[in-house]
Protein backbone atom coordinates (compact mmCIF):
# COMPACT_ATOMS: atom_id res chain seq x y z
CA UNK A 1 73.34 118.51 58.94
CA UNK A 2 70.00 117.35 60.19
CA UNK A 3 67.43 119.47 62.30
CA UNK A 4 64.97 117.56 64.53
CA UNK A 5 61.50 119.08 65.27
CA UNK A 6 58.88 118.24 67.62
CA UNK A 7 56.12 116.62 65.55
CA UNK A 8 53.36 118.11 67.78
CA UNK A 9 54.54 121.77 68.09
CA UNK A 10 57.02 122.24 65.26
CA UNK A 11 59.63 123.55 67.59
CA UNK A 12 63.16 122.73 66.79
CA UNK A 13 64.77 120.21 69.16
CA UNK A 14 68.22 119.61 67.92
CA UNK A 15 70.81 120.09 65.20
CA UNK A 16 73.00 116.98 64.42
CA UNK A 17 75.96 115.87 62.04
CA UNK A 18 73.97 114.36 59.08
CA UNK A 19 77.03 112.29 57.82
CA UNK A 20 77.35 110.50 61.28
CA UNK A 21 73.66 109.78 61.52
CA UNK A 22 73.65 108.40 57.94
CA UNK A 23 76.72 106.21 58.66
CA UNK A 24 75.11 104.81 61.92
CA UNK A 25 71.78 104.06 60.29
CA UNK A 26 73.47 102.42 57.16
CA UNK A 27 75.55 100.21 59.49
CA UNK A 28 72.70 99.27 61.52
CA UNK A 29 70.60 98.20 58.52
CA UNK A 30 73.42 96.11 57.24
CA UNK A 31 73.96 94.65 60.57
CA UNK A 32 70.22 93.54 60.35
CA UNK A 33 70.63 92.23 57.09
CA UNK A 34 73.77 90.28 58.19
CA UNK A 35 71.92 88.76 61.11
CA UNK A 36 69.30 87.38 58.75
CA UNK A 37 71.34 86.48 55.70
CA UNK A 38 74.74 85.62 56.56
CA UNK A 39 75.89 82.10 57.71
CA UNK A 40 75.61 81.52 61.45
CA UNK A 41 79.21 80.57 61.68
CA UNK A 42 80.63 83.60 59.66
CA UNK A 43 83.86 84.47 61.21
CA UNK A 44 85.97 86.30 58.58
CA UNK A 45 84.69 89.76 57.12
CA UNK A 46 86.09 92.05 54.36
CA UNK A 47 85.53 95.65 53.96
CA UNK A 48 86.09 97.61 50.68
CA UNK A 49 86.15 101.30 51.15
CA UNK A 50 87.69 102.98 54.61
CA UNK A 51 85.35 105.83 55.31
CA UNK A 52 82.79 106.47 57.82
CA UNK A 53 80.65 103.96 56.25
CA UNK A 54 83.16 101.26 56.32
CA UNK A 55 83.65 101.72 60.06
CA UNK A 56 79.96 101.37 60.92
CA UNK A 57 79.48 98.57 58.48
CA UNK A 58 82.21 96.70 60.46
CA UNK A 59 80.77 97.38 63.85
CA UNK A 60 77.37 96.19 62.93
CA UNK A 61 78.73 92.97 61.38
CA UNK A 62 80.75 92.34 64.53
CA UNK A 63 77.72 92.84 66.64
CA UNK A 64 75.73 90.03 64.98
CA UNK A 65 78.59 87.68 64.04
CA UNK A 66 81.47 86.26 65.98
CA UNK A 67 84.04 87.75 63.60
CA UNK A 68 87.55 86.77 64.44
CA UNK A 69 89.34 88.56 61.35
CA UNK A 70 88.90 91.46 58.93
CA UNK A 71 90.42 92.18 55.66
CA UNK A 72 90.63 95.96 54.82
CA UNK A 73 90.65 96.90 50.86
CA UNK A 74 91.38 100.39 49.75
CA UNK A 75 93.05 102.03 46.55
CA UNK A 76 95.18 104.07 49.02
CA UNK A 77 97.45 101.86 51.00
CA UNK A 78 98.14 104.54 53.64
CA UNK A 79 94.38 104.94 54.44
CA UNK A 80 93.82 101.33 54.41
CA UNK A 81 96.61 100.79 57.17
CA UNK A 82 95.34 103.64 59.21
CA UNK A 83 91.75 102.25 59.07
CA UNK A 84 92.90 98.81 59.95
CA UNK A 85 94.87 100.13 62.98
CA UNK A 86 91.80 102.15 64.32
CA UNK A 87 89.27 99.37 63.64
CA UNK A 88 91.58 96.77 65.46
CA UNK A 89 91.73 98.99 68.42
CA UNK A 90 88.04 99.60 68.40
CA UNK A 91 86.89 96.03 67.67
CA UNK A 92 89.62 94.18 69.58
CA UNK A 93 89.98 91.62 66.67
CA UNK A 94 92.49 91.10 64.03
CA UNK A 95 92.10 93.58 61.21
CA UNK A 96 94.65 93.50 58.44
CA UNK A 97 95.19 95.12 55.04
CA UNK A 98 94.65 92.71 52.27
CA UNK A 99 97.72 91.97 50.19
CA UNK A 100 95.87 90.74 47.13
CA UNK A 101 92.44 90.71 45.54
CA UNK A 102 92.38 87.05 46.18
CA UNK A 103 92.14 87.59 49.97
CA UNK A 104 88.43 88.15 49.32
CA UNK A 105 87.98 84.49 49.03
CA UNK A 106 88.33 84.04 52.63
CA UNK A 107 85.49 86.25 53.54
CA UNK A 108 82.19 85.20 54.78
CA UNK A 109 80.78 88.71 54.87
CA UNK A 110 81.86 91.36 52.41
CA UNK A 111 80.96 95.02 52.85
CA UNK A 112 81.37 97.47 50.12
CA UNK A 113 81.19 101.33 50.80
CA UNK A 114 82.82 103.16 48.13
CA UNK A 115 81.55 105.57 45.44
CA UNK A 116 83.03 103.56 42.60
CA UNK A 117 81.48 103.68 38.92
CA UNK A 118 82.58 100.18 38.26
CA UNK A 119 82.75 96.83 40.32
CA UNK A 120 85.27 96.95 43.24
CA UNK A 121 85.96 93.13 43.21
CA UNK A 122 85.76 90.36 40.74
CA UNK A 123 83.00 87.72 40.86
CA UNK A 124 85.58 84.93 41.03
CA UNK A 125 86.78 86.20 44.39
CA UNK A 126 83.35 85.69 46.00
CA UNK A 127 83.11 82.18 47.59
CA UNK A 128 79.96 79.96 48.01
CA UNK A 129 78.16 81.00 51.06
CA UNK A 130 79.28 84.58 51.20
CA UNK A 131 77.04 87.47 52.19
CA UNK A 132 77.47 90.85 50.60
CA UNK A 133 76.29 94.26 52.09
CA UNK A 134 76.42 96.98 49.14
CA UNK A 135 75.97 100.40 50.61
CA UNK A 136 78.25 102.68 48.59
CA UNK A 137 76.68 102.99 45.12
CA UNK A 138 73.64 105.06 45.13
CA UNK A 139 73.16 106.22 41.47
CA UNK A 140 72.34 104.50 38.36
CA UNK A 141 75.68 105.16 36.82
CA UNK A 142 77.57 103.74 39.91
CA UNK A 143 78.11 99.98 40.57
CA UNK A 144 80.20 98.08 43.26
CA UNK A 145 79.19 94.66 42.81
CA UNK A 146 79.65 92.48 39.55
CA UNK A 147 76.72 91.75 37.68
CA UNK A 148 77.74 88.14 37.51
CA UNK A 149 77.65 88.19 41.32
CA UNK A 150 74.16 89.81 41.46
CA UNK A 151 73.01 87.24 39.00
CA UNK A 152 74.00 84.21 41.09
CA UNK A 153 72.87 85.80 44.47
CA UNK A 154 69.74 86.01 46.32
CA UNK A 155 69.25 89.77 46.46
CA UNK A 156 67.42 91.60 49.23
CA UNK A 157 66.95 95.36 49.11
CA UNK A 158 65.96 98.05 51.65
CA UNK A 159 63.26 99.53 49.57
CA UNK A 160 62.37 98.08 46.06
CA UNK A 161 61.13 101.27 44.55
CA UNK A 162 64.16 103.23 45.49
CA UNK A 163 66.83 100.45 44.43
CA UNK A 164 65.09 100.11 41.02
CA UNK A 165 65.42 104.04 40.60
CA UNK A 166 68.89 104.48 42.05
CA UNK A 167 70.89 101.46 42.63
CA UNK A 168 73.25 100.84 39.71
CA UNK A 169 74.31 97.54 41.06
CA UNK A 170 70.72 96.37 39.95
CA UNK A 171 69.96 98.77 37.13
CA UNK A 172 72.80 97.95 35.17
CA UNK A 173 72.30 94.18 35.07
CA UNK A 174 68.68 94.66 34.48
CA UNK A 175 69.22 96.94 31.51
CA UNK A 176 71.83 94.45 29.94
CA UNK A 177 69.36 91.75 30.27
CA UNK A 178 71.43 89.75 32.69
CA UNK A 179 68.62 89.67 35.16
CA UNK A 180 64.89 91.11 35.48
CA UNK A 181 63.58 92.98 38.40
CA UNK A 182 61.71 89.68 39.45
CA UNK A 183 65.25 88.39 40.33
CA UNK A 184 65.09 90.66 43.60
CA UNK A 185 64.03 88.35 46.47
CA UNK A 186 62.38 91.03 48.27
CA UNK A 187 62.81 93.84 50.82
CA UNK A 188 64.42 93.75 54.30
CA UNK A 189 61.21 94.46 56.02
CA UNK A 190 59.75 91.33 54.34
CA UNK A 191 62.65 89.33 55.62
CA UNK A 192 62.00 90.46 59.29
CA UNK A 193 58.46 89.84 59.25
CA UNK A 194 58.93 86.20 57.60
CA UNK A 195 57.04 87.05 54.38
CA UNK A 196 60.18 86.02 52.32
CA UNK A 197 62.75 83.32 53.05
CA UNK A 198 66.27 84.21 54.35
CA UNK A 199 69.31 81.97 53.78
CA UNK A 200 68.36 78.53 52.78
CA UNK A 201 71.68 76.65 52.67
CA UNK A 202 75.43 77.33 53.54
CA UNK A 203 76.24 77.55 49.72
CA UNK A 204 73.77 80.31 48.86
CA UNK A 205 75.21 83.66 48.04
CA UNK A 206 73.32 86.53 49.41
CA UNK A 207 73.46 90.28 48.65
CA UNK A 208 71.70 93.13 50.68
CA UNK A 209 71.66 96.14 48.60
CA UNK A 210 70.86 99.68 50.44
CA UNK A 211 70.32 103.03 48.93
CA UNK A 212 69.02 104.49 52.16
CA UNK A 213 65.61 105.58 53.43
CA UNK A 214 64.86 108.92 55.38
CA UNK A 215 62.99 107.11 57.88
CA UNK A 216 65.99 105.28 58.94
CA UNK A 217 67.79 108.67 59.54
CA UNK A 218 64.75 109.93 61.35
CA UNK A 219 64.44 106.91 63.60
CA UNK A 220 68.25 106.88 64.31
CA UNK A 221 68.34 110.78 65.08
CA UNK A 222 65.45 110.34 67.50
CA UNK A 223 67.32 107.50 69.28
CA UNK A 224 70.37 109.66 69.45
CA UNK A 225 68.49 112.61 70.77
CA UNK A 226 66.78 110.57 73.37
CA UNK A 227 70.17 109.11 74.50
CA UNK A 228 71.77 112.56 74.89
CA UNK A 229 68.81 113.91 76.80
CA UNK A 230 69.31 110.82 79.26
CA UNK A 231 72.91 111.37 79.54
CA UNK A 232 72.87 115.12 79.48
CA UNK A 233 75.12 115.43 76.42
CA UNK A 234 75.31 117.97 73.90
CA UNK A 235 75.53 121.71 73.66
CA UNK A 236 72.43 124.05 74.32
CA UNK A 237 71.65 126.54 71.78
CA UNK A 238 69.52 129.67 72.22
CA UNK A 239 67.33 130.41 69.10
C-alpha cells in the first residue's frame, strides 16, 4: 500500500495499491531503457515470468518498439498460456508460449521478471544484438541473468549504489572475479542525458538492470493521482 501526502501541508491525499504502482514504474523504466538500448528494428520480444511485472514490461517494450511477436516463458504451463492469451488480447499482436528454451534465440528484447535464485536462461540462447531488461532479482543471493551474459554485455543500471548493494545479477559475477564494478557502463540517467553512450552497433548485447528507486514510485503515484483527479476516478474517504 502507498499513502500520498501533500508536501506542503502534510495532509493525506490518497491511498493506492503499491504493487500496481511498482509494476507500472518498473515497466516504464524498462521501456525507457529499451528505447535507448534496443535495436531500432527490434520486432520479437520474450518475457520470462508471468506476474504483474511481466505484463507492464511487455506493455512498455511494445510502446517503444514495433514488436510483432512475443514468446512467453514460465515454469507453470497453465499460467503461461493464460498470460499469453491475456497479453495477446491486450496488445493485439501474436503472443505464444515458448515450446523450448531455444526459442529465446529469436528474441530481440528479453524481459526477466522472476524471483529466481539462479539464472532463468542460458547464455547460449542470447543472440548478438539482443537487449535484456532484468527487473526480477533484487537481493544479493538472487540472479536471473547468467554471469557469462553480463560479462559480454554493455550493462546499464537504474542506480549504481543500489545495484551494487542489492543486484545479485551483478554482485555474484563481481564476487567470482568474472567482472569488476567498472564493467558497469553507467546509470540510465546518464544515458538519457548523453553522458554515456547507448547502443553502438547491431551486434552489441545490452543489459538494463533495475532494483527500483523510491522516487520512481513517487513520480508514478503522483501522475496516477493527477489523472484520477482529472477524470474524477477513485473512492473518496473520510479521515
